[in-house]
Amino acid sequence: MVAASDKIRRARPLLGTFVEIEVAGAARSEMDAAVDAAFETVASVHRLMSFHEPDSDVSRINREACLRPTWVNAATFEVLKAAVEMHRRSNGVFDIAVAPTLQAIGLLPPSDDGMPISAGQRSSNAIELLPGQTVWFRHHDIRIDLGGIAKGFAVDRALETLRLFKMPAGIVNAGGDLAVFGQYAQTIHIRHPRDPGRSIARVEVTDEALASTARRFDLIQSTETAASAIIDPGTRRPAHTVDGATVRASSCMVADALTKIVMISGTDAIGLLEHYNASALLISMDGDVHITPDWHHAVHVAA
């Protein structure tokens, strides 16, 4: 009989961050096999959807989809469909076509195709998803980055893998985008966006996903924070409506994408949160914490 307290936790650098996977309640050999498979699932998403990898689906369609319909893997097509749908429902606030702006401010590397970095087009009507898992860009200067949604997708897929291996409980955490399953709640601490060494709140999570985004920081380099990496497609500048956002949803892909919308729209995103049955915690620029009414019971704000 396996003791419920038996657990393992491992981490690997993937998706531009450290991905941590923890499972509990099974034999050690079974947990090792499940975690190995879950890491391979995340690595597969990384290979397909990285902006940095020259052979990824994202790099191929950025090079070729303006010239001809370009085939992509079913997983990439699923994420593109979700991104286009989120773009439509958010009236263009969520936009994967902000890659040229991220390149212009140095948050993504320049392209090696010789194309100059332009202001870029909006996704609206510019990205066409065709039968046979093919993608066509209507404009030559469209470039996409799935960094605002693919990490959550990878977490969801890793969790599915752990369940396929019949793990009783676990958590997959990709740099703050995480999902939890099993009988017991996990306590997650949310960083203060202007003082990342300090927790501003903690939340209990059970069988659901959580994603957070905020001002950029590197604790190894400095305790100072910098502007958000979330680009407002309306202004082509970093979002500055709120300092930080955490979203709870049934899937990490949805939570991941919604954090970008909340960072740009603030409390105006409540209607969209309700559509996805999601909750949010927002930290305004003056440090005030705002929590959607359906989430007060699970969030504990630090004194």
C-alpha atoms as a PDB file:
ATOM      1  CA  MET A   1       0.000   0.000   0.000  1.00  0.00           C
ATOM      2  CA  VAL A   2       1.357   3.435  -0.944  1.00  0.00           C
ATOM      3  CA  ALA A   3       1.373   6.158   1.686  1.00  0.00           C
ATOM      4  CA  ALA A   4      -0.513   9.294   0.572  1.00  0.00           C
ATOM      5  CA  SER A   5       2.414  11.439   1.674  1.00  0.00           C
ATOM      6  CA  ASP A   6       4.736   9.886  -0.913  1.00  0.00           C
ATOM      7  CA  LYS A   7       5.493  12.490  -3.536  1.00  0.00           C
ATOM      8  CA  ILE A   8       8.168  13.712  -5.917  1.00  0.00           C
ATOM      9  CA  ARG A   9       8.870  17.162  -7.347  1.00  0.00           C
ATOM     10  CA  ARG A  10      11.165  17.885 -10.285  1.00  0.00           C
ATOM     11  CA  ALA A  11      11.913  20.945 -12.447  1.00  0.00           C
ATOM     12  CA  ARG A  12      13.329  21.552 -15.927  1.00  0.00           C
ATOM     13  CA  PRO A  13      14.024  24.711 -17.974  1.00  0.00           C
ATOM     14  CA  LEU A  14      11.332  24.808 -20.676  1.00  0.00           C
ATOM     15  CA  LEU A  15       9.021  27.409 -22.247  1.00  0.00           C
ATOM     16  CA  GLY A  16      11.400  30.209 -21.273  1.00  0.00           C
ATOM     17  CA  THR A  17      11.000  29.476 -17.565  1.00  0.00           C
ATOM     18  CA  PHE A  18      11.373  26.643 -15.064  1.00  0.00           C
ATOM     19  CA  VAL A  19       8.590  24.084 -15.273  1.00  0.00           C
ATOM     20  CA  GLU A  20       7.966  22.289 -11.991  1.00  0.00           C
ATOM     21  CA  ILE A  21       5.943  19.082 -11.759  1.00  0.00           C
ATOM     22  CA  GLU A  22       4.876  17.439  -8.510  1.00  0.00           C
ATOM     23  CA  VAL A  23       2.861  14.246  -8.091  1.00  0.00           C
ATOM     24  CA  ALA A  24       1.799  12.326  -5.007  1.00  0.00           C
ATOM     25  CA  GLY A  25       0.123   9.176  -3.826  1.00  0.00           C
ATOM     26  CA  ALA A  26       1.633   6.469  -6.053  1.00  0.00           C
ATOM     27  CA  ALA A  27       4.638   4.170  -6.129  1.00  0.00           C
ATOM     28  CA  ARG A  28       7.953   5.909  -6.802  1.00  0.00           C
ATOM     29  CA  SER A  29       8.570   4.148 -10.121  1.00  0.00           C
ATOM     30  CA  GLU A  30       5.075   5.039 -11.348  1.00  0.00           C
ATOM     31  CA  MET A  31       5.496   8.679 -10.334  1.00  0.00           C
ATOM     32  CA  ASP A  32       8.905   8.880 -12.066  1.00  0.00           C
ATOM     33  CA  ALA A  33       7.427   7.504 -15.292  1.00  0.00           C
ATOM     34  CA  ALA A  34       4.472   9.906 -15.150  1.00  0.00           C
ATOM     35  CA  VAL A  35       6.657  12.960 -14.521  1.00  0.00           C
ATOM     36  CA  ASP A  36       9.055  11.955 -17.332  1.00  0.00           C
ATOM     37  CA  ALA A  37       6.109  11.695 -19.728  1.00  0.00           C
ATOM     38  CA  ALA A  38       4.636  15.013 -18.568  1.00  0.00           C
ATOM     39  CA  PHE A  39       7.967  16.783 -19.126  1.00  0.00           C
ATOM     40  CA  GLU A  40       8.127  15.294 -22.633  1.00  0.00           C
ATOM     41  CA  THR A  41       4.631  16.667 -23.269  1.00  0.00           C
ATOM     42  CA  VAL A  42       5.766  20.160 -22.260  1.00  0.00           C
ATOM     43  CA  ALA A  43       8.929  19.815 -24.359  1.00  0.00           C
ATOM     44  CA  SER A  44       6.816  18.891 -27.377  1.00  0.00           C
ATOM     45  CA  VAL A  45       4.738  22.075 -27.000  1.00  0.00           C
ATOM     46  CA  HIS A  46       7.979  24.051 -26.620  1.00  0.00           C
ATOM     47  CA  ARG A  47       9.378  22.600 -29.857  1.00  0.00           C
ATOM     48  CA  LEU A  48       6.169  23.367 -31.763  1.00  0.00           C
ATOM     49  CA  MET A  49       5.302  26.827 -30.477  1.00  0.00           C
ATOM     50  CA  SER A  50       8.540  28.574 -29.534  1.00  0.00           C
ATOM     51  CA  PHE A  51       9.224  31.886 -31.287  1.00  0.00           C
ATOM     52  CA  HIS A  52      12.942  31.242 -30.749  1.00  0.00           C
ATOM     53  CA  GLU A  53      13.248  27.757 -32.286  1.00  0.00           C
ATOM     54  CA  PRO A  54      13.856  28.089 -36.070  1.00  0.00           C
ATOM     55  CA  ASP A  55      12.104  24.792 -36.852  1.00  0.00           C
ATOM     56  CA  SER A  56       9.006  25.377 -34.707  1.00  0.00           C
ATOM     57  CA  ASP A  57       5.559  25.701 -36.265  1.00  0.00           C
ATOM     58  CA  VAL A  58       5.476  29.337 -35.143  1.00  0.00           C
ATOM     59  CA  SER A  59       8.764  30.141 -36.910  1.00  0.00           C
ATOM     60  CA  ARG A  60       7.646  28.331 -40.069  1.00  0.00           C
ATOM     61  CA  ILE A  61       4.328  30.137 -40.359  1.00  0.00           C
ATOM     62  CA  ASN A  62       6.002  33.473 -39.570  1.00  0.00           C
ATOM     63  CA  ARG A  63       8.264  32.804 -42.585  1.00  0.00           C
ATOM     64  CA  GLU A  64       5.866  31.101 -44.971  1.00  0.00           C
ATOM     65  CA  ALA A  65       2.175  31.694 -44.155  1.00  0.00           C
ATOM     66  CA  CYS A  66       2.145  35.054 -45.945  1.00  0.00           C
ATOM     67  CA  LEU A  67       3.295  33.260 -49.109  1.00  0.00           C
ATOM     68  CA  ARG A  68       1.136  30.131 -49.042  1.00  0.00           C
ATOM     69  CA  PRO A  69      -1.226  28.164 -46.734  1.00  0.00           C
ATOM     70  CA  THR A  70       1.115  26.432 -44.299  1.00  0.00           C
ATOM     71  CA  TRP A  71       0.438  23.185 -42.453  1.00  0.00           C
ATOM     72  CA  VAL A  72       0.926  23.017 -38.677  1.00  0.00           C
ATOM     73  CA  ASN A  73       0.670  20.283 -36.058  1.00  0.00           C
ATOM     74  CA  ALA A  74      -2.802  19.628 -34.604  1.00  0.00           C
ATOM     75  CA  ALA A  75      -1.708  20.995 -31.217  1.00  0.00           C
ATOM     76  CA  THR A  76      -0.502  24.261 -32.754  1.00  0.00           C
ATOM     77  CA  PHE A  77      -3.730  24.536 -34.741  1.00  0.00           C
ATOM     78  CA  GLU A  78      -5.764  24.053 -31.554  1.00  0.00           C
ATOM     79  CA  VAL A  79      -3.899  26.897 -29.830  1.00  0.00           C
ATOM     80  CA  LEU A  80      -4.275  29.143 -32.887  1.00  0.00           C
ATOM     81  CA  LYS A  81      -8.030  28.485 -32.920  1.00  0.00           C
ATOM     82  CA  ALA A  82      -8.275  29.384 -29.233  1.00  0.00           C
ATOM     83  CA  ALA A  83      -6.198  32.545 -29.800  1.00  0.00           C
ATOM     84  CA  VAL A  84      -8.338  33.704 -32.718  1.00  0.00           C
ATOM     85  CA  GLU A  85     -11.488  33.025 -30.685  1.00  0.00           C
ATOM     86  CA  MET A  86     -10.100  34.941 -27.687  1.00  0.00           C
ATOM     87  CA  HIS A  87      -9.182  37.802 -30.047  1.00  0.00           C
ATOM     88  CA  ARG A  88     -12.747  37.931 -31.349  1.00  0.00           C
ATOM     89  CA  ARG A  89     -14.402  37.743 -27.926  1.00  0.00           C
ATOM     90  CA  SER A  90     -12.102  40.424 -26.473  1.00  0.00           C
ATOM     91  CA  ASN A  91     -12.703  42.795 -29.406  1.00  0.00           C
ATOM     92  CA  GLY A  92      -9.048  42.617 -30.366  1.00  0.00           C
ATOM     93  CA  VAL A  93      -7.534  43.126 -26.910  1.00  0.00           C
ATOM     94  CA  PHE A  94      -5.929  39.657 -26.972  1.00  0.00           C
ATOM     95  CA  ASP A  95      -3.689  39.662 -30.038  1.00  0.00           C
ATOM     96  CA  ILE A  96      -0.973  37.148 -30.938  1.00  0.00           C
ATOM     97  CA  ALA A  97       0.186  39.440 -33.775  1.00  0.00           C
ATOM     98  CA  VAL A  98       2.071  41.794 -31.436  1.00  0.00           C
ATOM     99  CA  ALA A  99       5.355  39.973 -32.125  1.00  0.00           C
ATOM    100  CA  PRO A 100       6.824  42.851 -34.212  1.00  0.00           C
ATOM    101  CA  THR A 101       6.312  45.217 -31.263  1.00  0.00           C
ATOM    102  CA  LEU A 102       7.945  42.741 -28.876  1.00  0.00           C
ATOM    103  CA  GLN A 103      10.866  42.502 -31.319  1.00  0.00           C
ATOM    104  CA  ALA A 104      11.117  46.296 -31.592  1.00  0.00           C
ATOM    105  CA  ILE A 105      11.477  46.691 -27.809  1.00  0.00           C
ATOM    106  CA  GLY A 106      13.893  43.776 -27.516  1.00  0.00           C
ATOM    107  CA  LEU A 107      11.641  41.248 -25.793  1.00  0.00           C
ATOM    108  CA  LEU A 108      11.828  38.899 -28.800  1.00  0.00           C
ATOM    109  CA  PRO A 109      14.818  38.353 -31.092  1.00  0.00           C
ATOM    110  CA  PRO A 110      14.857  39.931 -34.562  1.00  0.00           C
ATOM    111  CA  SER A 111      13.863  37.731 -37.459  1.00  0.00           C
ATOM    112  CA  ASP A 112      16.568  36.163 -39.612  1.00  0.00           C
ATOM    113  CA  ASP A 113      14.495  36.507 -42.799  1.00  0.00           C
ATOM    114  CA  GLY A 114      15.733  40.026 -43.468  1.00  0.00           C
ATOM    115  CA  MET A 115      12.287  41.543 -43.005  1.00  0.00           C
ATOM    116  CA  PRO A 116      12.342  44.905 -41.223  1.00  0.00           C
ATOM    117  CA  ILE A 117      10.490  45.142 -37.928  1.00  0.00           C
ATOM    118  CA  SER A 118       7.300  47.056 -38.624  1.00  0.00           C
ATOM    119  CA  ALA A 119       4.373  48.125 -36.499  1.00  0.00           C
ATOM    120  CA  GLY A 120       2.647  44.959 -37.754  1.00  0.00           C
ATOM    121  CA  GLN A 121      -0.966  44.225 -38.500  1.00  0.00           C
ATOM    122  CA  ARG A 122      -3.742  43.405 -36.048  1.00  0.00           C
ATOM    123  CA  SER A 123      -4.916  39.782 -35.966  1.00  0.00           C
ATOM    124  CA  SER A 124      -8.444  40.768 -36.986  1.00  0.00           C
ATOM    125  CA  ASN A 125      -9.074  39.218 -40.404  1.00  0.00           C
ATOM    126  CA  ALA A 126      -5.317  38.870 -40.914  1.00  0.00           C
ATOM    127  CA  ILE A 127      -4.912  35.264 -39.730  1.00  0.00           C
ATOM    128  CA  GLU A 128      -6.998  32.717 -41.586  1.00  0.00           C
ATOM    129  CA  LEU A 129      -7.304  29.133 -40.326  1.00  0.00           C
ATOM    130  CA  LEU A 130      -8.068  26.804 -43.211  1.00  0.00           C
ATOM    131  CA  PRO A 131      -9.105  23.141 -43.524  1.00  0.00           C
ATOM    132  CA  GLY A 132      -6.341  20.577 -43.208  1.00  0.00           C
ATOM    133  CA  GLN A 133      -4.624  22.364 -40.282  1.00  0.00           C
ATOM    134  CA  THR A 134      -3.256  25.074 -42.568  1.00  0.00           C
ATOM    135  CA  VAL A 135      -2.699  28.743 -41.782  1.00  0.00           C
ATOM    136  CA  TRP A 136      -2.645  31.734 -44.109  1.00  0.00           C
ATOM    137  CA  PHE A 137      -1.590  35.314 -43.283  1.00  0.00           C
ATOM    138  CA  ARG A 138      -3.347  37.975 -45.337  1.00  0.00           C
ATOM    139  CA  HIS A 139      -0.494  40.473 -44.881  1.00  0.00           C
ATOM    140  CA  HIS A 140       3.255  40.160 -45.395  1.00  0.00           C
ATOM    141  CA  ASP A 141       4.223  41.851 -42.127  1.00  0.00           C
ATOM    142  CA  ILE A 142       2.159  39.564 -39.844  1.00  0.00           C
ATOM    143  CA  ARG A 143       4.246  37.753 -37.257  1.00  0.00           C
ATOM    144  CA  ILE A 144       2.791  35.925 -34.304  1.00  0.00           C
ATOM    145  CA  ASP A 145       4.000  34.951 -30.862  1.00  0.00           C
ATOM    146  CA  LEU A 146       2.062  32.347 -28.859  1.00  0.00           C
ATOM    147  CA  GLY A 147       3.823  33.259 -25.614  1.00  0.00           C
ATOM    148  CA  GLY A 148       0.570  34.610 -24.191  1.00  0.00           C
ATOM    149  CA  ILE A 149      -1.329  31.348 -24.441  1.00  0.00           C
ATOM    150  CA  ALA A 150       0.931  28.357 -25.280  1.00  0.00           C
ATOM    151  CA  LYS A 151       2.403  28.087 -21.786  1.00  0.00           C
ATOM    152  CA  GLY A 152      -1.049  27.530 -20.330  1.00  0.00           C
ATOM    153  CA  PHE A 153      -1.773  24.980 -23.066  1.00  0.00           C
ATOM    154  CA  ALA A 154       1.428  23.107 -22.185  1.00  0.00           C
ATOM    155  CA  VAL A 155       0.410  23.002 -18.514  1.00  0.00           C
ATOM    156  CA  ASP A 156      -3.014  21.593 -19.432  1.00  0.00           C
ATOM    157  CA  ARG A 157      -1.444  18.929 -21.659  1.00  0.00           C
ATOM    158  CA  ALA A 158       1.073  17.952 -18.962  1.00  0.00           C
ATOM    159  CA  LEU A 159      -1.756  17.562 -16.472  1.00  0.00           C
ATOM    160  CA  GLU A 160      -3.631  15.329 -18.937  1.00  0.00           C
ATOM    161  CA  THR A 161      -0.517  13.181 -19.199  1.00  0.00           C
ATOM    162  CA  LEU A 162      -0.276  12.777 -15.433  1.00  0.00           C
ATOM    163  CA  ARG A 163      -3.917  11.723 -15.316  1.00  0.00           C
ATOM    164  CA  LEU A 164      -3.339   9.192 -18.114  1.00  0.00           C
ATOM    165  CA  PHE A 165      -0.693   7.666 -15.856  1.00  0.00           C
ATOM    166  CA  LYS A 166      -3.384   7.510 -13.124  1.00  0.00           C
ATOM    167  CA  MET A 167      -1.614   9.826 -10.710  1.00  0.00           C
ATOM    168  CA  PRO A 168      -3.983  10.605  -7.781  1.00  0.00           C
ATOM    169  CA  ALA A 169      -2.783  14.199  -7.302  1.00  0.00           C
ATOM    170  CA  GLY A 170      -0.310  16.707  -8.619  1.00  0.00           C
ATOM    171  CA  ILE A 171       0.561  20.191  -9.801  1.00  0.00           C
ATOM    172  CA  VAL A 172       2.236  21.537 -12.943  1.00  0.00           C
ATOM    173  CA  ASN A 173       3.707  25.025 -12.568  1.00  0.00           C
ATOM    174  CA  ALA A 174       5.296  26.849 -15.498  1.00  0.00           C
ATOM    175  CA  GLY A 175       6.577  30.086 -14.009  1.00  0.00           C
ATOM    176  CA  GLY A 176       3.308  30.937 -12.255  1.00  0.00           C
ATOM    177  CA  ASP A 177       0.946  29.470 -14.855  1.00  0.00           C
ATOM    178  CA  LEU A 178      -0.209  26.337 -13.060  1.00  0.00           C
ATOM    179  CA  ALA A 179      -2.882  23.693 -12.746  1.00  0.00           C
ATOM    180  CA  VAL A 180      -3.730  21.466  -9.802  1.00  0.00           C
ATOM    181  CA  PHE A 181      -5.590  18.171  -9.575  1.00  0.00           C
ATOM    182  CA  GLY A 182      -6.441  15.773  -6.795  1.00  0.00           C
ATOM    183  CA  GLN A 183      -8.356  15.725  -3.565  1.00  0.00           C
ATOM    184  CA  TYR A 184      -6.406  18.330  -1.611  1.00  0.00           C
ATOM    185  CA  ALA A 185      -6.094  22.093  -2.094  1.00  0.00           C
ATOM    186  CA  GLN A 186      -2.764  23.716  -2.895  1.00  0.00           C
ATOM    187  CA  THR A 187      -1.876  27.089  -1.385  1.00  0.00           C
ATOM    188  CA  ILE A 188      -0.420  29.460  -3.971  1.00  0.00           C
ATOM    189  CA  HIS A 189       1.268  32.721  -2.974  1.00  0.00           C
ATOM    190  CA  ILE A 190       0.931  35.692  -5.340  1.00  0.00           C
ATOM    191  CA  ARG A 191       3.919  38.047  -5.595  1.00  0.00           C
ATOM    192  CA  HIS A 192       3.566  41.778  -5.052  1.00  0.00           C
ATOM    193  CA  PRO A 193       4.136  43.253  -8.546  1.00  0.00           C
ATOM    194  CA  ARG A 194       6.396  46.069  -7.271  1.00  0.00           C
ATOM    195  CA  ASP A 195       8.104  44.041  -4.515  1.00  0.00           C
ATOM    196  CA  PRO A 196       8.437  40.487  -5.937  1.00  0.00           C
ATOM    197  CA  GLY A 197      10.119  39.180  -2.800  1.00  0.00           C
ATOM    198  CA  ARG A 198       6.906  39.773  -0.875  1.00  0.00           C
ATOM    199  CA  SER A 199       3.564  37.957  -1.105  1.00  0.00           C
ATOM    200  CA  ILE A 200       0.526  40.154  -1.581  1.00  0.00           C
ATOM    201  CA  ALA A 201      -2.042  37.358  -1.288  1.00  0.00           C
ATOM    202  CA  ARG A 202      -2.479  33.619  -1.090  1.00  0.00           C
ATOM    203  CA  VAL A 203      -5.157  31.526  -2.716  1.00  0.00           C
ATOM    204  CA  GLU A 204      -6.388  27.964  -2.254  1.00  0.00           C
ATOM    205  CA  VAL A 205      -6.566  26.031  -5.544  1.00  0.00           C
ATOM    206  CA  THR A 206      -8.292  22.669  -6.056  1.00  0.00           C
ATOM    207  CA  ASP A 207      -8.829  20.979  -9.443  1.00  0.00           C
ATOM    208  CA  GLU A 208      -8.440  24.206 -11.401  1.00  0.00           C
ATOM    209  CA  ALA A 209      -5.862  26.429 -13.049  1.00  0.00           C
ATOM    210  CA  LEU A 210      -4.235  29.711 -12.131  1.00  0.00           C
ATOM    211  CA  ALA A 211      -2.181  32.135 -14.223  1.00  0.00           C
ATOM    212  CA  SER A 212      -0.419  35.327 -13.189  1.00  0.00           C
ATOM    213  CA  THR A 213       1.353  38.154 -14.951  1.00  0.00           C
ATOM    214  CA  ALA A 214       2.782  41.425 -13.722  1.00  0.00           C
ATOM    215  CA  ARG A 215       5.647  43.863 -14.123  1.00  0.00           C
ATOM    216  CA  ARG A 216       8.900  42.251 -15.297  1.00  0.00           C
ATOM    217  CA  PHE A 217      11.696  41.495 -12.853  1.00  0.00           C
ATOM    218  CA  ASP A 218      14.849  39.428 -12.457  1.00  0.00           C
ATOM    219  CA  LEU A 219      15.676  38.875  -8.786  1.00  0.00           C
ATOM    220  CA  ILE A 220      19.216  37.787  -9.732  1.00  0.00           C
ATOM    221  CA  GLN A 221      19.895  41.088 -11.512  1.00  0.00           C
ATOM    222  CA  SER A 222      17.934  43.534  -9.360  1.00  0.00           C
ATOM    223  CA  THR A 223      15.002  43.893  -7.010  1.00  0.00           C
ATOM    224  CA  GLU A 224      13.663  46.686  -9.228  1.00  0.00           C
ATOM    225  CA  THR A 225      10.746  45.886 -11.528  1.00  0.00           C
ATOM    226  CA  ALA A 226      10.222  47.107 -15.086  1.00  0.00           C
ATOM    227  CA  ALA A 227       7.235  47.739 -17.320  1.00  0.00           C
ATOM    228  CA  SER A 228       4.984  44.823 -18.182  1.00  0.00           C
ATOM    229  CA  ALA A 229       5.813  42.631 -21.196  1.00  0.00           C
ATOM    230  CA  ILE A 230       2.112  42.625 -22.111  1.00  0.00           C
ATOM    231  CA  ILE A 231       1.585  44.744 -25.222  1.00  0.00           C
ATOM    232  CA  ASP A 232      -1.632  46.701 -25.680  1.00  0.00           C
ATOM    233  CA  PRO A 233      -2.409  46.111 -29.379  1.00  0.00           C
ATOM    234  CA  GLY A 234      -4.312  49.405 -29.483  1.00  0.00           C
ATOM    235  CA  THR A 235      -1.272  51.506 -28.571  1.00  0.00           C
ATOM    236  CA  ARG A 236       1.578  49.086 -29.378  1.00  0.00           C
ATOM    237  CA  ARG A 237       3.016  49.935 -25.953  1.00  0.00           C
ATOM    238  CA  PRO A 238       3.331  47.944 -22.689  1.00  0.00           C
ATOM    239  CA  ALA A 239       0.057  47.708 -20.806  1.00  0.00           C
ATOM    240  CA  HIS A 240      -0.137  50.017 -17.803  1.00  0.00           C
ATOM    241  CA  THR A 241      -3.737  49.787 -16.603  1.00  0.00           C
ATOM    242  CA  VAL A 242      -2.858  47.525 -13.668  1.00  0.00           C
ATOM    243  CA  ASP A 243       0.422  46.314 -12.146  1.00  0.00           C
ATOM    244  CA  GLY A 244      -0.490  42.652 -11.862  1.00  0.00           C
ATOM    245  CA  ALA A 245      -3.255  40.167 -12.589  1.00  0.00           C
ATOM    246  CA  THR A 246      -4.011  36.608 -11.489  1.00  0.00           C
ATOM    247  CA  VAL A 247      -6.827  34.640 -13.116  1.00  0.00           C
ATOM    248  CA  ARG A 248      -8.473  31.395 -12.021  1.00  0.00           C
ATOM    249  CA  ALA A 249     -10.151  29.258 -14.688  1.00  0.00           C
ATOM    250  CA  SER A 250     -10.954  25.645 -15.456  1.00  0.00           C
ATOM    251  CA  SER A 251      -8.082  25.450 -17.958  1.00  0.00           C
ATOM    252  CA  CYS A 252      -4.644  27.013 -17.749  1.00  0.00           C
ATOM    253  CA  MET A 253      -4.734  28.027 -21.434  1.00  0.00           C
ATOM    254  CA  VAL A 254      -7.810  30.175 -20.810  1.00  0.00           C
ATOM    255  CA  ALA A 255      -6.386  31.570 -17.562  1.00  0.00           C
ATOM    256  CA  ASP A 256      -3.092  32.389 -19.308  1.00  0.00           C
ATOM    257  CA  ALA A 257      -4.797  34.300 -22.126  1.00  0.00           C
ATOM    258  CA  LEU A 258      -7.207  36.101 -19.796  1.00  0.00           C
ATOM    259  CA  THR A 259      -4.365  37.534 -17.687  1.00  0.00           C
ATOM    260  CA  LYS A 260      -3.220  39.505 -20.756  1.00  0.00           C
ATOM    261  CA  ILE A 261      -6.714  40.893 -21.283  1.00  0.00           C
ATOM    262  CA  VAL A 262      -7.065  41.834 -17.610  1.00  0.00           C
ATOM    263  CA  MET A 263      -3.660  43.583 -17.667  1.00  0.00           C
ATOM    264  CA  ILE A 264      -4.868  45.716 -20.590  1.00  0.00           C
ATOM    265  CA  SER A 265      -8.551  46.201 -19.767  1.00  0.00           C
ATOM    266  CA  GLY A 266      -8.584  46.045 -15.967  1.00  0.00           C
ATOM    267  CA  THR A 267     -12.089  45.755 -14.510  1.00  0.00           C
ATOM    268  CA  ASP A 268     -13.573  46.187 -18.004  1.00  0.00           C
ATOM    269  CA  ALA A 269     -12.663  42.506 -18.542  1.00  0.00           C
ATOM    270  CA  ILE A 270     -15.273  41.301 -16.021  1.00  0.00           C
ATOM    271  CA  GLY A 271     -17.812  40.400 -18.712  1.00  0.00           C
ATOM    272  CA  LEU A 272     -15.263  38.227 -20.495  1.00  0.00           C
ATOM    273  CA  LEU A 273     -14.206  36.620 -17.197  1.00  0.00           C
ATOM    274  CA  GLU A 274     -17.840  35.716 -16.561  1.00  0.00           C
ATOM    275  CA  HIS A 275     -18.142  34.231 -20.064  1.00  0.00           C
ATOM    276  CA  TYR A 276     -15.263  31.850 -19.308  1.00  0.00           C
ATOM    277  CA  ASN A 277     -16.487  31.227 -15.720  1.00  0.00           C
ATOM    278  CA  ALA A 278     -13.187  32.699 -14.525  1.00  0.00           C
ATOM    279  CA  SER A 279     -12.211  34.832 -11.515  1.00  0.00           C
ATOM    280  CA  ALA A 280      -9.505  37.461 -11.164  1.00  0.00           C
ATOM    281  CA  LEU A 281      -7.346  39.362  -8.707  1.00  0.00           C
ATOM    282  CA  LEU A 282      -6.059  42.719  -9.952  1.00  0.00           C
ATOM    283  CA  ILE A 283      -3.414  44.878  -8.317  1.00  0.00           C
ATOM    284  CA  SER A 284      -3.822  48.506  -9.307  1.00  0.00           C
ATOM    285  CA  MET A 285      -0.883  50.865  -9.804  1.00  0.00           C
ATOM    286  CA  ASP A 286      -1.513  52.389  -6.374  1.00  0.00           C
ATOM    287  CA  GLY A 287      -1.306  48.928  -4.739  1.00  0.00           C
ATOM    288  CA  ASP A 288      -5.010  48.353  -4.161  1.00  0.00           C
ATOM    289  CA  VAL A 289      -6.183  44.756  -4.572  1.00  0.00           C
ATOM    290  CA  HIS A 290      -9.427  44.100  -6.442  1.00  0.00           C
ATOM    291  CA  ILE A 291     -11.012  40.634  -6.429  1.00  0.00           C
ATOM    292  CA  THR A 292     -14.014  39.533  -8.460  1.00  0.00           C
ATOM    293  CA  PRO A 293     -16.959  38.827  -6.110  1.00  0.00           C
ATOM    294  CA  ASP A 294     -17.024  35.085  -6.870  1.00  0.00           C
ATOM    295  CA  TRP A 295     -13.463  34.620  -5.582  1.00  0.00           C
ATOM    296  CA  HIS A 296     -13.415  36.399  -2.214  1.00  0.00           C
ATOM    297  CA  HIS A 297     -13.874  33.126  -0.330  1.00  0.00           C
ATOM    298  CA  ALA A 298     -10.620  31.617  -1.666  1.00  0.00           C
ATOM    299  CA  VAL A 299      -8.265  34.636  -1.687  1.00  0.00           C
ATOM    300  CA  HIS A 300      -6.515  35.821   1.469  1.00  0.00           C
ATOM    301  CA  VAL A 301      -4.886  39.244   1.099  1.00  0.00           C
ATOM    302  CA  ALA A 302      -1.731  39.813   3.154  1.00  0.00           C
ATOM    303  CA  ALA A 303      -2.058  42.273   6.018  1.00  0.00           C
END
